N, C-alpha and C. Protein backbone atom coordinates (compact mmCIF):
# COMPACT_ATOMS: atom_id res chain seq x y z
N UNK A 1 72.78 83.30 100.05
CA UNK A 1 73.59 83.23 98.84
C UNK A 1 72.81 82.23 97.86
N UNK A 2 72.33 82.89 96.81
CA UNK A 2 71.57 82.12 95.90
C UNK A 2 72.49 81.47 94.88
N UNK A 3 73.61 81.97 94.56
CA UNK A 3 74.12 81.22 93.56
C UNK A 3 74.60 79.63 93.97
N UNK A 4 74.59 79.06 92.93
CA UNK A 4 74.75 77.54 93.07
C UNK A 4 76.20 76.92 92.88
N UNK A 5 76.62 76.39 93.79
CA UNK A 5 78.01 75.89 93.50
C UNK A 5 77.53 74.16 93.46
N UNK A 6 78.10 73.66 92.48
CA UNK A 6 77.89 72.13 92.18
C UNK A 6 79.24 71.32 92.41
N UNK A 7 79.11 70.19 93.11
CA UNK A 7 80.15 69.34 93.18
C UNK A 7 80.64 68.58 91.88
N UNK A 8 81.93 68.54 91.30
CA UNK A 8 81.92 67.77 90.24
C UNK A 8 83.29 66.97 90.59
N UNK A 9 83.73 66.16 89.85
CA UNK A 9 84.80 65.18 89.90
C UNK A 9 85.98 66.09 90.34
N UNK A 10 86.58 65.96 91.48
CA UNK A 10 87.68 66.42 91.87
C UNK A 10 87.52 67.97 92.34
N UNK A 11 86.39 68.66 92.52
CA UNK A 11 86.31 70.06 92.77
C UNK A 11 84.81 70.57 92.46
N UNK A 12 84.42 71.78 92.15
CA UNK A 12 83.24 72.30 92.07
C UNK A 12 83.10 72.98 90.77
N UNK A 13 81.91 73.36 90.69
CA UNK A 13 81.64 74.39 89.33
C UNK A 13 80.82 75.41 89.72
N UNK A 14 80.78 76.56 89.10
CA UNK A 14 79.55 77.64 89.49
C UNK A 14 79.54 78.53 88.39
N UNK A 15 78.43 79.31 88.29
CA UNK A 15 78.13 80.21 87.25
C UNK A 15 78.78 81.70 87.75
N UNK A 16 79.51 82.51 86.81
CA UNK A 16 79.88 83.72 87.37
C UNK A 16 79.44 84.66 86.12
N UNK A 17 79.11 85.93 86.40
CA UNK A 17 78.92 86.97 85.54
C UNK A 17 79.91 88.12 86.05
N UNK A 18 80.76 88.57 84.84
CA UNK A 18 81.71 89.23 84.77
C UNK A 18 81.23 90.82 84.48
N UNK A 19 82.12 91.70 85.22
CA UNK A 19 81.79 93.10 84.68
C UNK A 19 83.26 93.57 84.46
N UNK A 20 83.81 93.29 83.26
CA UNK A 20 85.09 93.80 83.06
C UNK A 20 85.26 95.64 82.75
N UNK A 21 86.28 96.07 83.02
CA UNK A 21 86.67 97.57 83.08
C UNK A 21 86.13 98.18 84.12
N UNK A 22 85.93 97.64 85.23
CA UNK A 22 85.25 98.30 86.47
C UNK A 22 86.50 99.03 86.96
N UNK A 23 86.17 99.96 87.91
CA UNK A 23 87.16 100.73 88.70
C UNK A 23 87.80 99.68 89.97
N UNK A 24 87.19 99.08 90.47
CA UNK A 24 87.68 97.97 91.54
C UNK A 24 87.41 96.58 91.03
N UNK A 25 88.21 95.59 91.91
CA UNK A 25 87.97 94.20 91.21
C UNK A 25 87.69 93.74 92.46
N UNK A 26 86.75 92.56 92.41
CA UNK A 26 86.45 91.57 93.40
C UNK A 26 85.00 91.30 93.26
N UNK A 27 84.34 90.43 94.43
CA UNK A 27 82.94 90.12 94.31
C UNK A 27 82.02 91.24 94.48
N UNK A 28 81.04 91.48 93.81
CA UNK A 28 80.13 92.68 93.99
C UNK A 28 78.64 91.94 94.30
N UNK A 29 78.38 90.80 94.21
CA UNK A 29 77.19 90.20 94.63
C UNK A 29 76.79 89.09 93.83
N UNK A 30 75.33 89.05 93.49
CA UNK A 30 75.03 87.94 92.66
C UNK A 30 74.14 88.64 91.45
N UNK A 31 74.05 87.79 90.37
CA UNK A 31 73.42 87.98 89.23
C UNK A 31 72.49 86.67 88.86
N UNK A 32 71.41 86.66 89.18
CA UNK A 32 70.38 85.50 89.12
C UNK A 32 71.12 84.25 90.20
N UNK A 33 71.46 83.00 89.43
CA UNK A 33 71.97 82.14 90.19
C UNK A 33 73.66 82.29 89.98
N UNK A 34 74.26 83.30 89.35
CA UNK A 34 75.58 83.51 89.33
C UNK A 34 76.36 84.64 90.30
N UNK A 35 77.65 84.43 90.38
CA UNK A 35 78.16 85.19 91.31
C UNK A 35 78.74 86.31 90.43
N UNK A 36 78.58 87.51 90.96
CA UNK A 36 78.78 88.73 89.84
C UNK A 36 80.23 89.23 90.34
N UNK A 37 81.32 89.09 89.55
CA UNK A 37 82.50 89.64 89.66
C UNK A 37 83.32 90.82 88.90
N UNK A 38 83.59 91.93 89.37
CA UNK A 38 83.96 92.93 88.88
C UNK A 38 85.33 92.86 88.50
N UNK A 39 85.90 93.17 87.25
CA UNK A 39 87.44 93.06 87.09
C UNK A 39 87.80 94.35 86.35
N UNK A 40 89.05 94.67 86.94
CA UNK A 40 89.73 96.11 86.29
C UNK A 40 90.02 96.04 84.77
N UNK A 41 90.55 94.75 84.40
CA UNK A 41 90.84 94.31 83.00
C UNK A 41 89.80 94.52 82.04
N UNK A 42 90.06 94.89 80.88
CA UNK A 42 89.03 95.23 79.71
C UNK A 42 88.88 93.72 79.16
N UNK A 43 87.84 93.57 78.62
CA UNK A 43 87.30 92.48 77.80
C UNK A 43 88.10 92.47 76.40
N UNK A 44 89.31 92.47 76.30
CA UNK A 44 90.08 92.49 75.19
C UNK A 44 90.96 91.37 75.30
N UNK A 45 91.41 90.67 74.00
CA UNK A 45 92.31 89.60 73.98
C UNK A 45 92.56 88.68 75.25
N UNK A 46 91.51 88.18 75.70
CA UNK A 46 91.58 87.56 76.93
C UNK A 46 91.95 88.13 78.19
N UNK A 47 92.03 89.36 78.33
CA UNK A 47 92.58 89.86 79.65
C UNK A 47 91.60 89.69 80.65
N UNK A 48 90.24 89.90 80.54
CA UNK A 48 89.47 89.61 81.48
C UNK A 48 89.36 88.30 81.98
N UNK A 49 89.34 87.32 81.10
CA UNK A 49 89.50 85.96 81.51
C UNK A 49 90.61 85.59 82.50
N UNK A 50 91.93 86.07 82.08
CA UNK A 50 92.83 86.05 82.82
C UNK A 50 92.68 86.63 84.21
N UNK A 51 92.10 87.91 84.37
CA UNK A 51 91.97 88.41 85.61
C UNK A 51 91.02 87.69 86.38
N UNK A 52 90.08 87.09 85.95
CA UNK A 52 88.87 86.34 86.57
C UNK A 52 89.74 85.14 87.03
N UNK A 53 90.40 84.25 86.39
CA UNK A 53 91.11 83.20 86.94
C UNK A 53 92.06 83.77 88.07
N UNK A 54 92.72 84.78 88.04
CA UNK A 54 93.70 85.52 88.90
C UNK A 54 92.91 85.62 90.24
N UNK A 55 91.76 86.37 90.22
CA UNK A 55 90.81 86.90 91.07
C UNK A 55 90.37 85.69 91.93
N UNK A 56 89.69 84.66 91.09
CA UNK A 56 89.27 83.78 91.93
C UNK A 56 90.22 82.85 92.81
N UNK A 57 91.38 82.64 92.21
CA UNK A 57 92.36 81.73 92.71
C UNK A 57 92.68 82.32 94.04
N UNK A 58 92.95 83.87 93.91
CA UNK A 58 93.18 84.57 95.00
C UNK A 58 91.99 84.42 96.38
N UNK A 59 90.81 84.51 95.78
CA UNK A 59 89.82 84.81 96.75
C UNK A 59 89.63 83.19 97.48
N UNK A 60 89.89 82.15 96.65
CA UNK A 60 89.64 80.80 97.21
C UNK A 60 90.96 80.18 97.88
N UNK A 61 91.87 80.72 97.51
CA UNK A 61 93.31 80.24 98.19
C UNK A 61 93.69 78.94 97.54
N UNK A 62 93.47 79.04 96.16
CA UNK A 62 94.03 77.82 95.30
C UNK A 62 94.88 78.30 94.28
N UNK A 63 95.99 77.74 93.90
CA UNK A 63 96.79 77.91 92.67
C UNK A 63 96.02 78.29 91.50
N UNK A 64 96.72 79.24 90.64
CA UNK A 64 95.88 79.66 89.26
C UNK A 64 95.49 78.46 88.34
N UNK A 65 96.30 77.39 88.40
CA UNK A 65 96.13 76.23 87.69
C UNK A 65 94.86 75.42 87.97
N UNK A 66 94.53 75.69 89.38
CA UNK A 66 93.21 74.94 89.71
C UNK A 66 92.06 75.68 89.37
N UNK A 67 91.83 76.68 88.73
CA UNK A 67 90.80 77.52 88.10
C UNK A 67 90.67 77.50 86.79
N UNK A 68 89.57 77.22 86.08
CA UNK A 68 89.54 76.80 84.52
C UNK A 68 87.99 77.43 84.29
N UNK A 69 88.06 78.32 83.32
CA UNK A 69 86.84 78.90 82.65
C UNK A 69 86.36 77.54 81.90
N UNK A 70 85.29 76.82 82.07
CA UNK A 70 84.82 75.62 81.45
C UNK A 70 84.05 76.10 80.41
N UNK A 71 83.15 77.37 80.37
CA UNK A 71 82.38 77.77 79.22
C UNK A 71 82.31 79.02 79.45
N UNK A 72 81.97 79.68 78.18
CA UNK A 72 81.79 81.12 78.27
C UNK A 72 82.96 82.05 78.17
N UNK A 73 83.96 81.59 77.43
CA UNK A 73 85.19 82.41 77.11
C UNK A 73 84.90 83.84 76.49
N UNK A 74 84.10 83.79 75.63
CA UNK A 74 83.75 85.18 74.91
C UNK A 74 82.51 85.75 75.41
N UNK A 75 82.02 85.32 76.55
CA UNK A 75 80.71 85.99 77.19
C UNK A 75 81.13 86.40 78.56
N UNK A 76 80.10 87.31 78.87
CA UNK A 76 80.33 87.80 80.35
C UNK A 76 79.56 86.74 81.41
N UNK A 77 78.87 85.83 81.05
CA UNK A 77 78.44 84.61 81.61
C UNK A 77 79.37 83.58 81.34
N UNK A 78 79.62 82.89 82.49
CA UNK A 78 80.78 82.03 82.50
C UNK A 78 80.61 80.79 83.47
N UNK A 79 80.94 79.74 82.99
CA UNK A 79 81.00 78.42 84.24
C UNK A 79 82.48 78.26 84.60
N UNK A 80 82.71 78.26 85.81
CA UNK A 80 84.18 78.16 86.28
C UNK A 80 84.08 76.85 86.97
N UNK A 81 85.29 76.12 86.77
CA UNK A 81 85.53 74.93 87.45
C UNK A 81 86.71 75.25 88.53
N UNK A 82 86.71 74.75 89.68
CA UNK A 82 87.77 74.78 90.70
C UNK A 82 88.19 73.44 91.08
N UNK A 83 89.40 72.99 90.99
CA UNK A 83 89.62 71.67 91.42
C UNK A 83 90.26 71.69 92.84
N UNK A 84 90.25 70.68 93.55
CA UNK A 84 90.68 70.68 95.04
C UNK A 84 90.15 71.44 96.10
N UNK A 85 88.91 71.78 95.78
CA UNK A 85 88.12 72.35 97.02
C UNK A 85 86.51 71.83 96.88
N UNK A 86 86.05 71.75 98.06
CA UNK A 86 84.69 71.40 97.99
C UNK A 86 83.46 72.45 97.92
N UNK A 87 82.47 72.20 97.76
CA UNK A 87 81.41 73.15 97.57
C UNK A 87 81.03 73.87 98.86
N UNK A 88 81.17 73.28 99.98
CA UNK A 88 81.12 73.96 101.18
C UNK A 88 82.08 75.06 101.60
N UNK A 89 83.62 74.57 101.11
CA UNK A 89 84.63 75.54 101.51
C UNK A 89 84.58 76.89 100.38
N UNK A 90 84.03 76.48 99.25
CA UNK A 90 83.88 77.73 98.11
C UNK A 90 82.58 78.76 98.93
N UNK A 91 81.57 78.10 99.22
CA UNK A 91 80.63 78.91 99.87
C UNK A 91 81.04 79.65 100.71
N UNK A 92 81.53 78.81 101.75
CA UNK A 92 81.93 79.62 103.07
C UNK A 92 82.94 80.73 102.78
N UNK A 93 83.92 80.52 101.80
CA UNK A 93 84.84 81.55 101.82
C UNK A 93 84.13 82.83 100.87
N UNK A 94 83.45 82.45 99.92
CA UNK A 94 82.49 83.62 99.22
C UNK A 94 81.66 84.24 100.01
N UNK A 95 81.04 83.67 100.86
CA UNK A 95 79.97 84.34 102.02
C UNK A 95 80.67 85.38 102.75
N UNK A 96 81.86 84.72 103.33
CA UNK A 96 82.61 85.92 103.98
C UNK A 96 83.03 86.90 103.28
N UNK A 97 83.42 86.82 101.96
CA UNK A 97 84.10 87.86 101.35
C UNK A 97 82.55 88.75 100.92
N UNK A 98 81.34 88.36 100.82
CA UNK A 98 80.35 89.22 100.43
C UNK A 98 79.75 90.10 101.63
N UNK A 99 80.06 89.47 102.58
CA UNK A 99 79.68 90.07 104.13
C UNK A 99 80.50 91.09 104.79
N UNK A 100 81.46 91.34 103.96
CA UNK A 100 82.50 92.47 104.40
C UNK A 100 82.19 93.76 103.82
């Protein structure tokens, strides 16, 4: 897994590349040093951002309030911050999903 998960105060941050308007939702691989996630929601009125937060919260087993888009609200490339988890936990959970 090439994407980098960085430890920050209280949690982690990592880069995400979103593919809005996809037919299915979930992790589809990597995009450089970012995790690529397909979302069924369109990139309109923040719907894709809401879907990304919901998707990551579900994948990582944390409340939605623990997931925050730290930068890139209007871009497909985003930095996401998740509180209450460690870099090892995130890597382990996302590696398990990608290998399925």
